[in-house]
Amino acid sequence: MANECFDDIWDALEDTPEEAVNMRLRSQLMRKLVERVRSWDISQKEAAKRLGITQPRLNNLLAGKVSAFSLDALVKLTVSAHLVLKVEVFDEELSDHA
């Protein structure tokens, strides 16, 4: 069995580069959302209401269950959390940003 090196955990876990990018973006959004929710210092019931989701759904977010959320759903939650989402796209042939 050969040892493989990966730039990112998602590259190791996912079957395709596209799936790895999707999961990487989802996990980044989730981390920011969890930080925001915890900064509110309010009950989970109130945080869920503020985000427009159920409390069990909030629990999935706080538990880091990335597979429970689509990229689209997380983008919508950033709006509810009053976070600004900025997307940058780089040409991997011309940039060190991958």
PDB file of N, CA and C in Angstrom:
ATOM      1  N   MET A   1       0.839  -1.186   0.000  1.00  0.00           N
ATOM      2  CA  MET A   1       0.000   0.000   0.000  1.00  0.00           C
ATOM      3  C   MET A   1       0.879   1.242   0.000  1.00  0.00           C
ATOM      4  N   ALA A   2       0.712   2.106  -0.969  1.00  0.00           N
ATOM      5  CA  ALA A   2       1.510   3.322  -1.089  1.00  0.00           C
ATOM      6  C   ALA A   2       0.899   4.430  -0.248  1.00  0.00           C
ATOM      7  N   ASN A   3       1.770   5.247   0.325  1.00  0.00           N
ATOM      8  CA  ASN A   3       1.305   6.421   1.066  1.00  0.00           C
ATOM      9  C   ASN A   3       1.017   7.534   0.077  1.00  0.00           C
ATOM     10  N   GLU A   4      -0.122   8.170   0.252  1.00  0.00           N
ATOM     11  CA  GLU A   4      -0.485   9.294  -0.607  1.00  0.00           C
ATOM     12  C   GLU A   4      -0.475  10.560   0.218  1.00  0.00           C
ATOM     13  N   CYS A   5      -0.082  11.670  -0.382  1.00  0.00           N
ATOM     14  CA  CYS A   5      -0.124  12.981   0.271  1.00  0.00           C
ATOM     15  C   CYS A   5      -1.217  13.815  -0.383  1.00  0.00           C
ATOM     16  N   PHE A   6      -1.963  14.493   0.448  1.00  0.00           N
ATOM     17  CA  PHE A   6      -3.045  15.339  -0.032  1.00  0.00           C
ATOM     18  C   PHE A   6      -2.879  16.742   0.531  1.00  0.00           C
ATOM     19  N   ASP A   7      -3.310  17.733  -0.223  1.00  0.00           N
ATOM     20  CA  ASP A   7      -3.250  19.118   0.235  1.00  0.00           C
ATOM     21  C   ASP A   7      -4.316  19.418   1.285  1.00  0.00           C
ATOM     22  N   ASP A   8      -5.380  18.652   1.283  1.00  0.00           N
ATOM     23  CA  ASP A   8      -6.540  18.945   2.107  1.00  0.00           C
ATOM     24  C   ASP A   8      -7.222  17.628   2.474  1.00  0.00           C
ATOM     25  N   ILE A   9      -7.843  17.578   3.631  1.00  0.00           N
ATOM     26  CA  ILE A   9      -8.535  16.365   4.072  1.00  0.00           C
ATOM     27  C   ILE A   9      -9.636  15.962   3.094  1.00  0.00           C
ATOM     28  N   TRP A  10     -10.306  16.965   2.511  1.00  0.00           N
ATOM     29  CA  TRP A  10     -11.397  16.652   1.593  1.00  0.00           C
ATOM     30  C   TRP A  10     -10.874  15.997   0.328  1.00  0.00           C
ATOM     31  N   ASP A  11      -9.649  16.351  -0.091  1.00  0.00           N
ATOM     32  CA  ASP A  11      -9.059  15.681  -1.252  1.00  0.00           C
ATOM     33  C   ASP A  11      -8.863  14.199  -0.968  1.00  0.00           C
ATOM     34  N   ALA A  12      -8.556  13.872   0.277  1.00  0.00           N
ATOM     35  CA  ALA A  12      -8.344  12.479   0.668  1.00  0.00           C
ATOM     36  C   ALA A  12      -9.660  11.725   0.799  1.00  0.00           C
ATOM     37  N   LEU A  13     -10.697  12.401   1.265  1.00  0.00           N
ATOM     38  CA  LEU A  13     -11.957  11.724   1.570  1.00  0.00           C
ATOM     39  C   LEU A  13     -12.916  11.602   0.389  1.00  0.00           C
ATOM     40  N   GLU A  14     -12.891  12.574  -0.492  1.00  0.00           N
ATOM     41  CA  GLU A  14     -13.873  12.592  -1.578  1.00  0.00           C
ATOM     42  C   GLU A  14     -13.344  11.901  -2.833  1.00  0.00           C
ATOM     43  N   ASP A  15     -14.268  11.415  -3.647  1.00  0.00           N
ATOM     44  CA  ASP A  15     -13.912  10.651  -4.840  1.00  0.00           C
ATOM     45  C   ASP A  15     -13.425  11.510  -6.000  1.00  0.00           C
ATOM     46  N   THR A  16     -13.930  12.749  -6.077  1.00  0.00           N
ATOM     47  CA  THR A  16     -13.556  13.606  -7.203  1.00  0.00           C
ATOM     48  C   THR A  16     -13.099  14.966  -6.694  1.00  0.00           C
ATOM     49  N   PRO A  17     -12.322  15.682  -7.502  1.00  0.00           N
ATOM     50  CA  PRO A  17     -11.914  17.046  -7.110  1.00  0.00           C
ATOM     51  C   PRO A  17     -13.115  17.974  -6.917  1.00  0.00           C
ATOM     52  N   GLU A  18     -14.157  17.769  -7.713  1.00  0.00           N
ATOM     53  CA  GLU A  18     -15.354  18.610  -7.591  1.00  0.00           C
ATOM     54  C   GLU A  18     -16.039  18.405  -6.241  1.00  0.00           C
ATOM     55  N   GLU A  19     -16.146  17.151  -5.826  1.00  0.00           N
ATOM     56  CA  GLU A  19     -16.753  16.859  -4.522  1.00  0.00           C
ATOM     57  C   GLU A  19     -15.896  17.420  -3.392  1.00  0.00           C
ATOM     58  N   ALA A  20     -14.577  17.355  -3.539  1.00  0.00           N
ATOM     59  CA  ALA A  20     -13.678  17.878  -2.517  1.00  0.00           C
ATOM     60  C   ALA A  20     -13.839  19.387  -2.375  1.00  0.00           C
ATOM     61  N   VAL A  21     -13.942  20.096  -3.490  1.00  0.00           N
ATOM     62  CA  VAL A  21     -14.132  21.554  -3.442  1.00  0.00           C
ATOM     63  C   VAL A  21     -15.462  21.888  -2.766  1.00  0.00           C
ATOM     64  N   ASN A  22     -16.505  21.161  -3.133  1.00  0.00           N
ATOM     65  CA  ASN A  22     -17.818  21.406  -2.549  1.00  0.00           C
ATOM     66  C   ASN A  22     -17.785  21.213  -1.030  1.00  0.00           C
ATOM     67  N   MET A  23     -17.177  20.139  -0.576  1.00  0.00           N
ATOM     68  CA  MET A  23     -17.107  19.869   0.858  1.00  0.00           C
ATOM     69  C   MET A  23     -16.222  20.889   1.575  1.00  0.00           C
ATOM     70  N   ARG A  24     -15.141  21.306   0.934  1.00  0.00           N
ATOM     71  CA  ARG A  24     -14.258  22.312   1.515  1.00  0.00           C
ATOM     72  C   ARG A  24     -15.021  23.619   1.739  1.00  0.00           C
ATOM     73  N   LEU A  25     -15.775  24.041   0.740  1.00  0.00           N
ATOM     74  CA  LEU A  25     -16.561  25.269   0.863  1.00  0.00           C
ATOM     75  C   LEU A  25     -17.635  25.138   1.944  1.00  0.00           C
ATOM     76  N   ARG A  26     -18.303  23.992   1.967  1.00  0.00           N
ATOM     77  CA  ARG A  26     -19.341  23.765   2.970  1.00  0.00           C
ATOM     78  C   ARG A  26     -18.761  23.805   4.380  1.00  0.00           C
ATOM     79  N   SER A  27     -17.613  23.171   4.575  1.00  0.00           N
ATOM     80  CA  SER A  27     -17.018  23.151   5.919  1.00  0.00           C
ATOM     81  C   SER A  27     -16.557  24.543   6.334  1.00  0.00           C
ATOM     82  N   GLN A  28     -16.043  25.329   5.392  1.00  0.00           N
ATOM     83  CA  GLN A  28     -15.635  26.700   5.718  1.00  0.00           C
ATOM     84  C   GLN A  28     -16.839  27.552   6.130  1.00  0.00           C
ATOM     85  N   LEU A  29     -17.922  27.439   5.399  1.00  0.00           N
ATOM     86  CA  LEU A  29     -19.131  28.182   5.751  1.00  0.00           C
ATOM     87  C   LEU A  29     -19.676  27.735   7.103  1.00  0.00           C
ATOM     88  N   MET A  30     -19.664  26.441   7.342  1.00  0.00           N
ATOM     89  CA  MET A  30     -20.172  25.934   8.622  1.00  0.00           C
ATOM     90  C   MET A  30     -19.359  26.485   9.792  1.00  0.00           C
ATOM     91  N   ARG A  31     -18.026  26.505   9.651  1.00  0.00           N
ATOM     92  CA  ARG A  31     -17.185  27.031  10.735  1.00  0.00           C
ATOM     93  C   ARG A  31     -17.548  28.481  11.055  1.00  0.00           C
ATOM     94  N   LYS A  32     -17.728  29.291  10.014  1.00  0.00           N
ATOM     95  CA  LYS A  32     -18.078  30.701  10.236  1.00  0.00           C
ATOM     96  C   LYS A  32     -19.471  30.828  10.861  1.00  0.00           C
ATOM     97  N   LEU A  33     -20.411  30.012  10.413  1.00  0.00           N
ATOM     98  CA  LEU A  33     -21.755  30.056  10.983  1.00  0.00           C
ATOM     99  C   LEU A  33     -21.754  29.642  12.452  1.00  0.00           C
ATOM    100  N   VAL A  34     -21.012  28.609  12.781  1.00  0.00           N
ATOM    101  CA  VAL A  34     -20.930  28.166  14.177  1.00  0.00           C
ATOM    102  C   VAL A  34     -20.308  29.265  15.038  1.00  0.00           C
ATOM    103  N   GLU A  35     -19.249  29.887  14.541  1.00  0.00           N
ATOM    104  CA  GLU A  35     -18.630  31.005  15.278  1.00  0.00           C
ATOM    105  C   GLU A  35     -19.658  32.110  15.535  1.00  0.00           C
ATOM    106  N   ARG A  36     -20.437  32.436  14.502  1.00  0.00           N
ATOM    107  CA  ARG A  36     -21.423  33.513  14.637  1.00  0.00           C
ATOM    108  C   ARG A  36     -22.489  33.152  15.656  1.00  0.00           C
ATOM    109  N   VAL A  37     -23.035  31.947  15.553  1.00  0.00           N
ATOM    110  CA  VAL A  37     -24.093  31.514  16.473  1.00  0.00           C
ATOM    111  C   VAL A  37     -23.584  31.542  17.909  1.00  0.00           C
ATOM    112  N   ARG A  38     -22.385  31.035  18.136  1.00  0.00           N
ATOM    113  CA  ARG A  38     -21.833  31.025  19.499  1.00  0.00           C
ATOM    114  C   ARG A  38     -21.560  32.433  20.009  1.00  0.00           C
ATOM    115  N   SER A  39     -21.252  33.359  19.114  1.00  0.00           N
ATOM    116  CA  SER A  39     -20.990  34.738  19.533  1.00  0.00           C
ATOM    117  C   SER A  39     -22.255  35.450  20.012  1.00  0.00           C
ATOM    118  N   TRP A  40     -23.406  34.959  19.571  1.00  0.00           N
ATOM    119  CA  TRP A  40     -24.661  35.580  19.984  1.00  0.00           C
ATOM    120  C   TRP A  40     -24.946  35.369  21.460  1.00  0.00           C
ATOM    121  N   ASP A  41     -24.435  34.313  22.038  1.00  0.00           N
ATOM    122  CA  ASP A  41     -24.646  34.016  23.456  1.00  0.00           C
ATOM    123  C   ASP A  41     -26.136  34.025  23.823  1.00  0.00           C
ATOM    124  N   ILE A  42     -26.902  33.283  23.015  1.00  0.00           N
ATOM    125  CA  ILE A  42     -28.341  33.138  23.243  1.00  0.00           C
ATOM    126  C   ILE A  42     -28.672  31.648  23.241  1.00  0.00           C
ATOM    127  N   SER A  43     -29.885  31.318  23.604  1.00  0.00           N
ATOM    128  CA  SER A  43     -30.293  29.905  23.621  1.00  0.00           C
ATOM    129  C   SER A  43     -30.326  29.344  22.202  1.00  0.00           C
ATOM    130  N   GLN A  44     -30.236  28.020  22.114  1.00  0.00           N
ATOM    131  CA  GLN A  44     -30.325  27.380  20.803  1.00  0.00           C
ATOM    132  C   GLN A  44     -31.687  27.636  20.166  1.00  0.00           C
ATOM    133  N   LYS A  45     -32.714  27.677  20.993  1.00  0.00           N
ATOM    134  CA  LYS A  45     -34.057  27.935  20.471  1.00  0.00           C
ATOM    135  C   LYS A  45     -34.103  29.306  19.788  1.00  0.00           C
ATOM    136  N   GLU A  46     -33.542  30.308  20.450  1.00  0.00           N
ATOM    137  CA  GLU A  46     -33.534  31.666  19.893  1.00  0.00           C
ATOM    138  C   GLU A  46     -32.618  31.750  18.672  1.00  0.00           C
ATOM    139  N   ALA A  47     -31.465  31.078  18.710  1.00  0.00           N
ATOM    140  CA  ALA A  47     -30.543  31.087  17.572  1.00  0.00           C
ATOM    141  C   ALA A  47     -31.194  30.439  16.351  1.00  0.00           C
ATOM    142  N   ALA A  48     -31.886  29.330  16.565  1.00  0.00           N
ATOM    143  CA  ALA A  48     -32.574  28.658  15.460  1.00  0.00           C
ATOM    144  C   ALA A  48     -33.627  29.578  14.858  1.00  0.00           C
ATOM    145  N   LYS A  49     -34.359  30.268  15.710  1.00  0.00           N
ATOM    146  CA  LYS A  49     -35.382  31.206  15.240  1.00  0.00           C
ATOM    147  C   LYS A  49     -34.738  32.324  14.426  1.00  0.00           C
ATOM    148  N   ARG A  50     -33.629  32.840  14.911  1.00  0.00           N
ATOM    149  CA  ARG A  50     -32.926  33.917  14.222  1.00  0.00           C
ATOM    150  C   ARG A  50     -32.456  33.469  12.830  1.00  0.00           C
ATOM    151  N   LEU A  51     -32.052  32.221  12.723  1.00  0.00           N
ATOM    152  CA  LEU A  51     -31.582  31.690  11.438  1.00  0.00           C
ATOM    153  C   LEU A  51     -32.716  31.186  10.550  1.00  0.00           C
ATOM    154  N   GLY A  52     -33.907  31.030  11.125  1.00  0.00           N
ATOM    155  CA  GLY A  52     -35.044  30.539  10.351  1.00  0.00           C
ATOM    156  C   GLY A  52     -34.999  29.049  10.117  1.00  0.00           C
ATOM    157  N   ILE A  53     -34.418  28.310  11.071  1.00  0.00           N
ATOM    158  CA  ILE A  53     -34.333  26.853  10.976  1.00  0.00           C
ATOM    159  C   ILE A  53     -34.846  26.232  12.270  1.00  0.00           C
ATOM    160  N   THR A  54     -35.051  24.929  12.245  1.00  0.00           N
ATOM    161  CA  THR A  54     -35.496  24.235  13.452  1.00  0.00           C
ATOM    162  C   THR A  54     -34.313  24.036  14.404  1.00  0.00           C
ATOM    163  N   GLN A  55     -34.635  23.785  15.655  1.00  0.00           N
ATOM    164  CA  GLN A  55     -33.583  23.545  16.632  1.00  0.00           C
ATOM    165  C   GLN A  55     -32.778  22.267  16.304  1.00  0.00           C
ATOM    166  N   PRO A  56     -33.418  21.167  15.876  1.00  0.00           N
ATOM    167  CA  PRO A  56     -32.619  20.002  15.472  1.00  0.00           C
ATOM    168  C   PRO A  56     -31.661  20.315  14.319  1.00  0.00           C
ATOM    169  N   ARG A  57     -32.116  21.161  13.389  1.00  0.00           N
ATOM    170  CA  ARG A  57     -31.247  21.561  12.272  1.00  0.00           C
ATOM    171  C   ARG A  57     -30.068  22.375  12.795  1.00  0.00           C
ATOM    172  N   LEU A  58     -30.318  23.253  13.748  1.00  0.00           N
ATOM    173  CA  LEU A  58     -29.242  24.021  14.370  1.00  0.00           C
ATOM    174  C   LEU A  58     -28.263  23.084  15.067  1.00  0.00           C
ATOM    175  N   ASN A  59     -28.779  22.065  15.745  1.00  0.00           N
ATOM    176  CA  ASN A  59     -27.903  21.100  16.407  1.00  0.00           C
ATOM    177  C   ASN A  59     -26.977  20.420  15.398  1.00  0.00           C
ATOM    178  N   ASN A  60     -27.497  20.092  14.212  1.00  0.00           N
ATOM    179  CA  ASN A  60     -26.660  19.514  13.160  1.00  0.00           C
ATOM    180  C   ASN A  60     -25.552  20.480  12.741  1.00  0.00           C
ATOM    181  N   LEU A  61     -25.899  21.749  12.653  1.00  0.00           N
ATOM    182  CA  LEU A  61     -24.911  22.763  12.296  1.00  0.00           C
ATOM    183  C   LEU A  61     -23.823  22.851  13.367  1.00  0.00           C
ATOM    184  N   LEU A  62     -24.248  22.974  14.617  1.00  0.00           N
ATOM    185  CA  LEU A  62     -23.297  23.115  15.718  1.00  0.00           C
ATOM    186  C   LEU A  62     -22.435  21.871  15.914  1.00  0.00           C
ATOM    187  N   ALA A  63     -22.959  20.723  15.521  1.00  0.00           N
ATOM    188  CA  ALA A  63     -22.208  19.471  15.629  1.00  0.00           C
ATOM    189  C   ALA A  63     -21.266  19.263  14.440  1.00  0.00           C
ATOM    190  N   GLY A  64     -21.322  20.166  13.473  1.00  0.00           N
ATOM    191  CA  GLY A  64     -20.427  20.066  12.328  1.00  0.00           C
ATOM    192  C   GLY A  64     -20.794  18.992  11.330  1.00  0.00           C
ATOM    193  N   LYS A  65     -22.063  18.672  11.235  1.00  0.00           N
ATOM    194  CA  LYS A  65     -22.515  17.628  10.303  1.00  0.00           C
ATOM    195  C   LYS A  65     -22.600  18.208   8.886  1.00  0.00           C
ATOM    196  N   VAL A  66     -21.445  18.295   8.243  1.00  0.00           N
ATOM    197  CA  VAL A  66     -21.323  18.919   6.931  1.00  0.00           C
ATOM    198  C   VAL A  66     -22.247  18.263   5.912  1.00  0.00           C
ATOM    199  N   SER A  67     -22.357  16.954   5.977  1.00  0.00           N
ATOM    200  CA  SER A  67     -23.165  16.241   4.983  1.00  0.00           C
ATOM    201  C   SER A  67     -24.660  16.534   5.115  1.00  0.00           C
ATOM    202  N   ALA A  68     -25.070  17.143   6.208  1.00  0.00           N
ATOM    203  CA  ALA A  68     -26.486  17.449   6.421  1.00  0.00           C
ATOM    204  C   ALA A  68     -26.916  18.749   5.740  1.00  0.00           C
ATOM    205  N   PHE A  69     -25.945  19.484   5.161  1.00  0.00           N
ATOM    206  CA  PHE A  69     -26.247  20.788   4.568  1.00  0.00           C
ATOM    207  C   PHE A  69     -25.688  20.887   3.164  1.00  0.00           C
ATOM    208  N   SER A  70     -26.507  21.371   2.263  1.00  0.00           N
ATOM    209  CA  SER A  70     -26.016  21.649   0.909  1.00  0.00           C
ATOM    210  C   SER A  70     -25.290  22.988   0.929  1.00  0.00           C
ATOM    211  N   LEU A  71     -24.502  23.227  -0.076  1.00  0.00           N
ATOM    212  CA  LEU A  71     -23.819  24.516  -0.199  1.00  0.00           C
ATOM    213  C   LEU A  71     -24.842  25.640  -0.281  1.00  0.00           C
ATOM    214  N   ASP A  72     -25.898  25.417  -1.032  1.00  0.00           N
ATOM    215  CA  ASP A  72     -26.959  26.411  -1.179  1.00  0.00           C
ATOM    216  C   ASP A  72     -27.603  26.742   0.167  1.00  0.00           C
ATOM    217  N   ALA A  73     -27.893  25.731   0.972  1.00  0.00           N
ATOM    218  CA  ALA A  73     -28.513  25.961   2.286  1.00  0.00           C
ATOM    219  C   ALA A  73     -27.584  26.768   3.187  1.00  0.00           C
ATOM    220  N   LEU A  74     -26.300  26.491   3.137  1.00  0.00           N
ATOM    221  CA  LEU A  74     -25.346  27.219   3.974  1.00  0.00           C
ATOM    222  C   LEU A  74     -25.201  28.673   3.528  1.00  0.00           C
ATOM    223  N   VAL A  75     -25.243  28.900   2.223  1.00  0.00           N
ATOM    224  CA  VAL A  75     -25.193  30.276   1.715  1.00  0.00           C
ATOM    225  C   VAL A  75     -26.396  31.053   2.242  1.00  0.00           C
ATOM    226  N   LYS A  76     -27.561  30.439   2.205  1.00  0.00           N
ATOM    227  CA  LYS A  76     -28.770  31.102   2.721  1.00  0.00           C
ATOM    228  C   LYS A  76     -28.642  31.409   4.214  1.00  0.00           C
ATOM    229  N   LEU A  77     -28.045  30.506   4.966  1.00  0.00           N
ATOM    230  CA  LEU A  77     -27.865  30.731   6.404  1.00  0.00           C
ATOM    231  C   LEU A  77     -26.898  31.874   6.678  1.00  0.00           C
ATOM    232  N   THR A  78     -25.908  32.086   5.804  1.00  0.00           N
ATOM    233  CA  THR A  78     -24.990  33.200   6.027  1.00  0.00           C
ATOM    234  C   THR A  78     -25.731  34.534   5.964  1.00  0.00           C
ATOM    235  N   VAL A  79     -26.721  34.608   5.097  1.00  0.00           N
ATOM    236  CA  VAL A  79     -27.526  35.825   5.009  1.00  0.00           C
ATOM    237  C   VAL A  79     -28.299  36.026   6.308  1.00  0.00           C
ATOM    238  N   SER A  80     -28.933  34.970   6.798  1.00  0.00           N
ATOM    239  CA  SER A  80     -29.686  35.057   8.054  1.00  0.00           C
ATOM    240  C   SER A  80     -28.788  35.398   9.237  1.00  0.00           C
ATOM    241  N   ALA A  81     -27.524  34.985   9.150  1.00  0.00           N
ATOM    242  CA  ALA A  81     -26.577  35.248  10.236  1.00  0.00           C
ATOM    243  C   ALA A  81     -25.880  36.604  10.068  1.00  0.00           C
ATOM    244  N   HIS A  82     -26.278  37.348   9.042  1.00  0.00           N
ATOM    245  CA  HIS A  82     -25.697  38.656   8.742  1.00  0.00           C
ATOM    246  C   HIS A  82     -24.195  38.566   8.497  1.00  0.00           C
ATOM    247  N   LEU A  83     -23.810  37.529   7.769  1.00  0.00           N
ATOM    248  CA  LEU A  83     -22.426  37.379   7.332  1.00  0.00           C
ATOM    249  C   LEU A  83     -22.351  37.767   5.863  1.00  0.00           C
ATOM    250  N   VAL A  84     -21.246  38.346   5.467  1.00  0.00           N
ATOM    251  CA  VAL A  84     -21.033  38.721   4.076  1.00  0.00           C
ATOM    252  C   VAL A  84     -20.194  37.629   3.423  1.00  0.00           C
ATOM    253  N   LEU A  85     -20.687  37.104   2.350  1.00  0.00           N
ATOM    254  CA  LEU A  85     -20.004  36.038   1.632  1.00  0.00           C
ATOM    255  C   LEU A  85     -19.323  36.642   0.414  1.00  0.00           C
ATOM    256  N   LYS A  86     -18.020  36.414   0.306  1.00  0.00           N
ATOM    257  CA  LYS A  86     -17.245  36.912  -0.828  1.00  0.00           C
ATOM    258  C   LYS A  86     -16.631  35.710  -1.527  1.00  0.00           C
ATOM    259  N   VAL A  87     -16.821  35.622  -2.828  1.00  0.00           N
ATOM    260  CA  VAL A  87     -16.295  34.505  -3.599  1.00  0.00           C
ATOM    261  C   VAL A  87     -15.149  35.015  -4.466  1.00  0.00           C
ATOM    262  N   GLU A  88     -14.040  34.296  -4.424  1.00  0.00           N
ATOM    263  CA  GLU A  88     -12.910  34.607  -5.294  1.00  0.00           C
ATOM    264  C   GLU A  88     -12.609  33.367  -6.117  1.00  0.00           C
ATOM    265  N   VAL A  89     -12.391  33.558  -7.393  1.00  0.00           N
ATOM    266  CA  VAL A  89     -12.090  32.452  -8.280  1.00  0.00           C
ATOM    267  C   VAL A  89     -10.742  32.746  -8.930  1.00  0.00           C
ATOM    268  N   PHE A  90      -9.854  31.755  -8.875  1.00  0.00           N
ATOM    269  CA  PHE A  90      -8.520  31.917  -9.424  1.00  0.00           C
ATOM    270  C   PHE A  90      -8.275  30.875 -10.506  1.00  0.00           C
ATOM    271  N   ASP A  91      -7.513  31.250 -11.494  1.00  0.00           N
ATOM    272  CA  ASP A  91      -7.061  30.301 -12.508  1.00  0.00           C
ATOM    273  C   ASP A  91      -5.896  29.533 -11.923  1.00  0.00           C
ATOM    274  N   GLU A  92      -6.078  28.229 -11.690  1.00  0.00           N
ATOM    275  CA  GLU A  92      -5.050  27.452 -11.000  1.00  0.00           C
ATOM    276  C   GLU A  92      -3.761  27.367 -11.803  1.00  0.00           C
ATOM    277  N   GLU A  93      -3.829  27.612 -13.104  1.00  0.00           N
ATOM    278  CA  GLU A  93      -2.620  27.592 -13.918  1.00  0.00           C
ATOM    279  C   GLU A  93      -1.795  28.866 -13.732  1.00  0.00           C
ATOM    280  N   LEU A  94      -2.424  29.937 -13.266  1.00  0.00           N
ATOM    281  CA  LEU A  94      -1.741  31.224 -13.138  1.00  0.00           C
ATOM    282  C   LEU A  94      -1.515  31.640 -11.698  1.00  0.00           C
ATOM    283  N   SER A  95      -2.022  30.863 -10.746  1.00  0.00           N
ATOM    284  CA  SER A  95      -2.007  31.306  -9.363  1.00  0.00           C
ATOM    285  C   SER A  95      -1.603  30.181  -8.424  1.00  0.00           C
ATOM    286  N   ASP A  96      -1.077  30.578  -7.277  1.00  0.00           N
ATOM    287  CA  ASP A  96      -0.787  29.609  -6.218  1.00  0.00           C
ATOM    288  C   ASP A  96      -2.030  29.318  -5.394  1.00  0.00           C
ATOM    289  N   HIS A  97      -3.144  30.035  -5.631  1.00  0.00           N
ATOM    290  CA  HIS A  97      -4.404  29.821  -4.912  1.00  0.00           C
ATOM    291  C   HIS A  97      -5.132  28.672  -5.576  1.00  0.00           C
ATOM    292  N   ALA A  98      -5.343  27.600  -4.816  1.00  0.00           N
ATOM    293  CA  ALA A  98      -6.077  26.459  -5.403  1.00  0.00           C
ATOM    294  C   ALA A  98      -7.285  26.148  -4.588  1.00  0.00           C
TER     295      ALA A  98
END
